[in-house]
Amino acid sequence: MIRRGIRAVGAGQDLDYRILTNGAAVPTYSHDRVIPGIAPAATPAADRQLLREVARDVVAETVKHGLA
């Protein structure tokens, strides 16, 4: 999200985040979540990819539902 925002601002675009309002604090999410039942992938590279996908899904869900 941060990378996309930096690129958007660099390209002169508006940030399309519904959480941003004039002068309001930007909520951040910093907590741990345990996701049981995820088996390791077959290779270290595949496992890193799986962990990234799971992490992105968790962040997307957190932002969508406003959980903090």
PDB file of N, CA and C in Angstrom:
ATOM      1  N   MET A   1       0.820  -1.172   0.000  1.00  0.00           N
ATOM      2  CA  MET A   1       0.000   0.000   0.000  1.00  0.00           C
ATOM      3  C   MET A   1       0.874   1.250   0.000  1.00  0.00           C
ATOM      4  N   ILE A   2       1.922   1.217   0.792  1.00  0.00           N
ATOM      5  CA  ILE A   2       2.816   2.372   0.848  1.00  0.00           C
ATOM      6  C   ILE A   2       3.513   2.566  -0.487  1.00  0.00           C
ATOM      7  N   ARG A   3       3.998   1.479  -1.068  1.00  0.00           N
ATOM      8  CA  ARG A   3       4.688   1.561  -2.356  1.00  0.00           C
ATOM      9  C   ARG A   3       3.765   2.129  -3.430  1.00  0.00           C
ATOM     10  N   ARG A   4       2.529   1.635  -3.476  1.00  0.00           N
ATOM     11  CA  ARG A   4       1.570   2.150  -4.467  1.00  0.00           C
ATOM     12  C   ARG A   4       1.296   3.631  -4.240  1.00  0.00           C
ATOM     13  N   GLY A   5       1.183   4.025  -2.973  1.00  0.00           N
ATOM     14  CA  GLY A   5       0.950   5.428  -2.659  1.00  0.00           C
ATOM     15  C   GLY A   5       2.096   6.316  -3.090  1.00  0.00           C
ATOM     16  N   ILE A   6       3.308   5.874  -2.841  1.00  0.00           N
ATOM     17  CA  ILE A   6       4.487   6.647  -3.248  1.00  0.00           C
ATOM     18  C   ILE A   6       4.521   6.794  -4.762  1.00  0.00           C
ATOM     19  N   ARG A   7       4.252   5.720  -5.461  1.00  0.00           N
ATOM     20  CA  ARG A   7       4.263   5.775  -6.926  1.00  0.00           C
ATOM     21  C   ARG A   7       3.146   6.683  -7.455  1.00  0.00           C
ATOM     22  N   ALA A   8       1.977   6.616  -6.825  1.00  0.00           N
ATOM     23  CA  ALA A   8       0.863   7.452  -7.262  1.00  0.00           C
ATOM     24  C   ALA A   8       1.195   8.927  -7.066  1.00  0.00           C
ATOM     25  N   VAL A   9       1.714   9.273  -5.901  1.00  0.00           N
ATOM     26  CA  VAL A   9       2.065  10.670  -5.638  1.00  0.00           C
ATOM     27  C   VAL A   9       3.162  11.117  -6.590  1.00  0.00           C
ATOM     28  N   GLY A  10       4.142  10.262  -6.850  1.00  0.00           N
ATOM     29  CA  GLY A  10       5.214  10.583  -7.783  1.00  0.00           C
ATOM     30  C   GLY A  10       4.706  10.842  -9.189  1.00  0.00           C
ATOM     31  N   ALA A  11       3.606  10.184  -9.542  1.00  0.00           N
ATOM     32  CA  ALA A  11       3.013  10.358 -10.870  1.00  0.00           C
ATOM     33  C   ALA A  11       1.973  11.479 -10.887  1.00  0.00           C
ATOM     34  N   GLY A  12       1.840  12.187  -9.755  1.00  0.00           N
ATOM     35  CA  GLY A  12       0.896  13.297  -9.695  1.00  0.00           C
ATOM     36  C   GLY A  12      -0.552  12.879  -9.516  1.00  0.00           C
ATOM     37  N   GLN A  13      -0.786  11.644  -9.097  1.00  0.00           N
ATOM     38  CA  GLN A  13      -2.154  11.146  -8.915  1.00  0.00           C
ATOM     39  C   GLN A  13      -2.605  11.355  -7.471  1.00  0.00           C
ATOM     40  N   ASP A  14      -3.915  11.350  -7.276  1.00  0.00           N
ATOM     41  CA  ASP A  14      -4.477  11.400  -5.935  1.00  0.00           C
ATOM     42  C   ASP A  14      -4.411  10.012  -5.311  1.00  0.00           C
ATOM     43  N   LEU A  15      -4.288   9.986  -4.006  1.00  0.00           N
ATOM     44  CA  LEU A  15      -4.341   8.710  -3.301  1.00  0.00           C
ATOM     45  C   LEU A  15      -5.796   8.290  -3.183  1.00  0.00           C
ATOM     46  N   ASP A  16      -6.087   7.081  -3.581  1.00  0.00           N
ATOM     47  CA  ASP A  16      -7.462   6.584  -3.568  1.00  0.00           C
ATOM     48  C   ASP A  16      -7.678   5.686  -2.351  1.00  0.00           C
ATOM     49  N   TYR A  17      -7.537   6.266  -1.172  1.00  0.00           N
ATOM     50  CA  TYR A  17      -7.745   5.509   0.053  1.00  0.00           C
ATOM     51  C   TYR A  17      -8.910   6.128   0.798  1.00  0.00           C
ATOM     52  N   ARG A  18      -9.938   5.339   1.053  1.00  0.00           N
ATOM     53  CA  ARG A  18     -11.115   5.866   1.730  1.00  0.00           C
ATOM     54  C   ARG A  18     -10.824   6.256   3.167  1.00  0.00           C
ATOM     55  N   ILE A  19      -9.708   5.790   3.725  1.00  0.00           N
ATOM     56  CA  ILE A  19      -9.392   6.109   5.110  1.00  0.00           C
ATOM     57  C   ILE A  19      -8.773   7.488   5.256  1.00  0.00           C
ATOM     58  N   LEU A  20      -8.381   8.108   4.132  1.00  0.00           N
ATOM     59  CA  LEU A  20      -7.761   9.419   4.200  1.00  0.00           C
ATOM     60  C   LEU A  20      -8.827  10.506   4.125  1.00  0.00           C
ATOM     61  N   THR A  21      -8.825  11.378   5.106  1.00  0.00           N
ATOM     62  CA  THR A  21      -9.720  12.524   5.079  1.00  0.00           C
ATOM     63  C   THR A  21      -8.907  13.758   5.425  1.00  0.00           C
ATOM     64  N   ASN A  22      -9.416  14.902   5.117  1.00  0.00           N
ATOM     65  CA  ASN A  22      -8.683  16.152   5.296  1.00  0.00           C
ATOM     66  C   ASN A  22      -8.123  16.305   6.703  1.00  0.00           C
ATOM     67  N   GLY A  23      -6.821  16.191   6.824  1.00  0.00           N
ATOM     68  CA  GLY A  23      -6.144  16.434   8.074  1.00  0.00           C
ATOM     69  C   GLY A  23      -6.298  15.376   9.149  1.00  0.00           C
ATOM     70  N   ALA A  24      -7.051  14.332   8.883  1.00  0.00           N
ATOM     71  CA  ALA A  24      -7.258  13.296   9.897  1.00  0.00           C
ATOM     72  C   ALA A  24      -6.027  12.404  10.007  1.00  0.00           C
ATOM     73  N   ALA A  25      -5.875  11.817  11.152  1.00  0.00           N
ATOM     74  CA  ALA A  25      -4.774  10.873  11.349  1.00  0.00           C
ATOM     75  C   ALA A  25      -5.000   9.654  10.454  1.00  0.00           C
ATOM     76  N   VAL A  26      -3.931   9.113   9.928  1.00  0.00           N
ATOM     77  CA  VAL A  26      -4.000   7.922   9.093  1.00  0.00           C
ATOM     78  C   VAL A  26      -3.858   6.706   9.998  1.00  0.00           C
ATOM     79  N   PRO A  27      -4.861   5.835  10.022  1.00  0.00           N
ATOM     80  CA  PRO A  27      -4.756   4.655  10.874  1.00  0.00           C
ATOM     81  C   PRO A  27      -3.673   3.710  10.355  1.00  0.00           C
ATOM     82  N   THR A  28      -2.947   3.136  11.257  1.00  0.00           N
ATOM     83  CA  THR A  28      -1.953   2.124  10.901  1.00  0.00           C
ATOM     84  C   THR A  28      -2.296   0.846  11.642  1.00  0.00           C
ATOM     85  N   TYR A  29      -1.813  -0.237  11.148  1.00  0.00           N
ATOM     86  CA  TYR A  29      -2.153  -1.534  11.706  1.00  0.00           C
ATOM     87  C   TYR A  29      -0.867  -2.226  12.119  1.00  0.00           C
ATOM     88  N   SER A  30      -0.749  -2.503  13.381  1.00  0.00           N
ATOM     89  CA  SER A  30       0.461  -3.137  13.888  1.00  0.00           C
ATOM     90  C   SER A  30       0.072  -4.096  14.999  1.00  0.00           C
ATOM     91  N   HIS A  31      -0.186  -5.306  14.624  1.00  0.00           N
ATOM     92  CA  HIS A  31      -0.495  -6.326  15.606  1.00  0.00           C
ATOM     93  C   HIS A  31      -0.174  -7.693  15.006  1.00  0.00           C
ATOM     94  N   ASP A  32      -0.177  -8.672  15.843  1.00  0.00           N
ATOM     95  CA  ASP A  32       0.123 -10.031  15.395  1.00  0.00           C
ATOM     96  C   ASP A  32      -1.179 -10.788  15.201  1.00  0.00           C
ATOM     97  N   ARG A  33      -1.167 -11.650  14.225  1.00  0.00           N
ATOM     98  CA  ARG A  33      -2.310 -12.517  14.009  1.00  0.00           C
ATOM     99  C   ARG A  33      -1.775 -13.918  13.736  1.00  0.00           C
ATOM    100  N   VAL A  34      -2.335 -14.891  14.394  1.00  0.00           N
ATOM    101  CA  VAL A  34      -1.937 -16.285  14.188  1.00  0.00           C
ATOM    102  C   VAL A  34      -2.923 -16.912  13.226  1.00  0.00           C
ATOM    103  N   ILE A  35      -2.393 -17.505  12.163  1.00  0.00           N
ATOM    104  CA  ILE A  35      -3.219 -18.162  11.158  1.00  0.00           C
ATOM    105  C   ILE A  35      -2.858 -19.652  11.190  1.00  0.00           C
ATOM    106  N   PRO A  36      -3.642 -20.453  11.853  1.00  0.00           N
ATOM    107  CA  PRO A  36      -3.312 -21.879  11.961  1.00  0.00           C
ATOM    108  C   PRO A  36      -3.642 -22.646  10.684  1.00  0.00           C
ATOM    109  N   GLY A  37      -2.988 -23.774  10.521  1.00  0.00           N
ATOM    110  CA  GLY A  37      -3.352 -24.699   9.462  1.00  0.00           C
ATOM    111  C   GLY A  37      -2.739 -24.445   8.105  1.00  0.00           C
ATOM    112  N   ILE A  38      -1.719 -23.613   8.017  1.00  0.00           N
ATOM    113  CA  ILE A  38      -1.072 -23.381   6.730  1.00  0.00           C
ATOM    114  C   ILE A  38       0.163 -24.280   6.659  1.00  0.00           C
ATOM    115  N   ALA A  39       0.101 -25.264   5.795  1.00  0.00           N
ATOM    116  CA  ALA A  39       1.225 -26.179   5.641  1.00  0.00           C
ATOM    117  C   ALA A  39       2.337 -25.517   4.836  1.00  0.00           C
ATOM    118  N   PRO A  40       3.598 -25.805   5.155  1.00  0.00           N
ATOM    119  CA  PRO A  40       4.705 -25.246   4.369  1.00  0.00           C
ATOM    120  C   PRO A  40       4.612 -25.694   2.913  1.00  0.00           C
ATOM    121  N   ALA A  41       5.024 -24.828   2.022  1.00  0.00           N
ATOM    122  CA  ALA A  41       5.048 -25.173   0.596  1.00  0.00           C
ATOM    123  C   ALA A  41       6.213 -26.119   0.322  1.00  0.00           C
ATOM    124  N   ALA A  42       6.254 -26.641  -0.879  1.00  0.00           N
ATOM    125  CA  ALA A  42       7.230 -27.673  -1.245  1.00  0.00           C
ATOM    126  C   ALA A  42       8.680 -27.184  -1.250  1.00  0.00           C
ATOM    127  N   THR A  43       8.895 -25.918  -1.575  1.00  0.00           N
ATOM    128  CA  THR A  43      10.256 -25.380  -1.649  1.00  0.00           C
ATOM    129  C   THR A  43      10.338 -24.096  -0.831  1.00  0.00           C
ATOM    130  N   PRO A  44      11.540 -23.698  -0.440  1.00  0.00           N
ATOM    131  CA  PRO A  44      11.667 -22.429   0.290  1.00  0.00           C
ATOM    132  C   PRO A  44      11.119 -21.235  -0.503  1.00  0.00           C
ATOM    133  N   ALA A  45      11.361 -21.196  -1.799  1.00  0.00           N
ATOM    134  CA  ALA A  45      10.853 -20.095  -2.623  1.00  0.00           C
ATOM    135  C   ALA A  45       9.327 -20.105  -2.657  1.00  0.00           C
ATOM    136  N   ALA A  46       8.742 -21.272  -2.824  1.00  0.00           N
ATOM    137  CA  ALA A  46       7.282 -21.380  -2.844  1.00  0.00           C
ATOM    138  C   ALA A  46       6.695 -21.031  -1.479  1.00  0.00           C
ATOM    139  N   ASP A  47       7.413 -21.379  -0.412  1.00  0.00           N
ATOM    140  CA  ASP A  47       6.949 -21.058   0.929  1.00  0.00           C
ATOM    141  C   ASP A  47       6.959 -19.550   1.160  1.00  0.00           C
ATOM    142  N   ARG A  48       8.011 -18.863   0.700  1.00  0.00           N
ATOM    143  CA  ARG A  48       8.057 -17.402   0.818  1.00  0.00           C
ATOM    144  C   ARG A  48       6.888 -16.771   0.059  1.00  0.00           C
ATOM    145  N   GLN A  49       6.602 -17.282  -1.130  1.00  0.00           N
ATOM    146  CA  GLN A  49       5.483 -16.764  -1.923  1.00  0.00           C
ATOM    147  C   GLN A  49       4.156 -16.998  -1.205  1.00  0.00           C
ATOM    148  N   LEU A  50       3.982 -18.174  -0.642  1.00  0.00           N
ATOM    149  CA  LEU A  50       2.757 -18.489   0.098  1.00  0.00           C
ATOM    150  C   LEU A  50       2.587 -17.544   1.285  1.00  0.00           C
ATOM    151  N   LEU A  51       3.659 -17.316   2.025  1.00  0.00           N
ATOM    152  CA  LEU A  51       3.582 -16.417   3.175  1.00  0.00           C
ATOM    153  C   LEU A  51       3.239 -14.990   2.749  1.00  0.00           C
ATOM    154  N   ARG A  52       3.792 -14.552   1.630  1.00  0.00           N
ATOM    155  CA  ARG A  52       3.452 -13.216   1.121  1.00  0.00           C
ATOM    156  C   ARG A  52       1.977 -13.119   0.771  1.00  0.00           C
ATOM    157  N   GLU A  53       1.462 -14.140   0.103  1.00  0.00           N
ATOM    158  CA  GLU A  53       0.051 -14.141  -0.288  1.00  0.00           C
ATOM    159  C   GLU A  53      -0.858 -14.116   0.931  1.00  0.00           C
ATOM    160  N   VAL A  54      -0.534 -14.934   1.931  1.00  0.00           N
ATOM    161  CA  VAL A  54      -1.336 -14.971   3.150  1.00  0.00           C
ATOM    162  C   VAL A  54      -1.268 -13.619   3.853  1.00  0.00           C
ATOM    163  N   ALA A  55      -0.068 -13.051   3.954  1.00  0.00           N
ATOM    164  CA  ALA A  55       0.095 -11.758   4.623  1.00  0.00           C
ATOM    165  C   ALA A  55      -0.685 -10.665   3.898  1.00  0.00           C
ATOM    166  N   ARG A  56      -0.640 -10.657   2.589  1.00  0.00           N
ATOM    167  CA  ARG A  56      -1.386  -9.638   1.826  1.00  0.00           C
ATOM    168  C   ARG A  56      -2.885  -9.794   2.018  1.00  0.00           C
ATOM    169  N   ASP A  57      -3.350 -11.038   2.064  1.00  0.00           N
ATOM    170  CA  ASP A  57      -4.777 -11.270   2.305  1.00  0.00           C
ATOM    171  C   ASP A  57      -5.188 -10.775   3.692  1.00  0.00           C
ATOM    172  N   VAL A  58      -4.340 -11.017   4.689  1.00  0.00           N
ATOM    173  CA  VAL A  58      -4.635 -10.568   6.051  1.00  0.00           C
ATOM    174  C   VAL A  58      -4.685  -9.045   6.108  1.00  0.00           C
ATOM    175  N   VAL A  59      -3.720  -8.387   5.484  1.00  0.00           N
ATOM    176  CA  VAL A  59      -3.699  -6.925   5.482  1.00  0.00           C
ATOM    177  C   VAL A  59      -4.921  -6.380   4.751  1.00  0.00           C
ATOM    178  N   ALA A  60      -5.253  -6.949   3.604  1.00  0.00           N
ATOM    179  CA  ALA A  60      -6.421  -6.484   2.846  1.00  0.00           C
ATOM    180  C   ALA A  60      -7.693  -6.624   3.676  1.00  0.00           C
ATOM    181  N   GLU A  61      -7.846  -7.738   4.359  1.00  0.00           N
ATOM    182  CA  GLU A  61      -9.017  -7.951   5.215  1.00  0.00           C
ATOM    183  C   GLU A  61      -9.047  -6.952   6.367  1.00  0.00           C
ATOM    184  N   THR A  62      -7.884  -6.703   6.951  1.00  0.00           N
ATOM    185  CA  THR A  62      -7.785  -5.771   8.064  1.00  0.00           C
ATOM    186  C   THR A  62      -8.168  -4.364   7.631  1.00  0.00           C
ATOM    187  N   VAL A  63      -7.652  -3.928   6.506  1.00  0.00           N
ATOM    188  CA  VAL A  63      -7.958  -2.584   6.008  1.00  0.00           C
ATOM    189  C   VAL A  63      -9.444  -2.482   5.611  1.00  0.00           C
ATOM    190  N   LYS A  64      -9.945  -3.508   4.950  1.00  0.00           N
ATOM    191  CA  LYS A  64     -11.333  -3.494   4.495  1.00  0.00           C
ATOM    192  C   LYS A  64     -12.318  -3.379   5.661  1.00  0.00           C
ATOM    193  N   HIS A  65     -12.028  -4.103   6.729  1.00  0.00           N
ATOM    194  CA  HIS A  65     -12.956  -4.141   7.862  1.00  0.00           C
ATOM    195  C   HIS A  65     -12.581  -3.152   8.960  1.00  0.00           C
ATOM    196  N   GLY A  66     -11.473  -2.441   8.784  1.00  0.00           N
ATOM    197  CA  GLY A  66     -11.079  -1.443   9.770  1.00  0.00           C
ATOM    198  C   GLY A  66     -10.663  -2.028  11.097  1.00  0.00           C
ATOM    199  N   LEU A  67     -10.173  -3.232  11.087  1.00  0.00           N
ATOM    200  CA  LEU A  67      -9.722  -3.867  12.324  1.00  0.00           C
ATOM    201  C   LEU A  67      -8.369  -3.324  12.707  1.00  0.00           C
ATOM    202  N   ALA A  68      -8.173  -3.097  13.944  1.00  0.00           N
ATOM    203  CA  ALA A  68      -6.862  -2.600  14.397  1.00  0.00           C
ATOM    204  C   ALA A  68      -6.421  -3.346  15.621  1.00  0.00           C
TER     205      ALA A  68
END
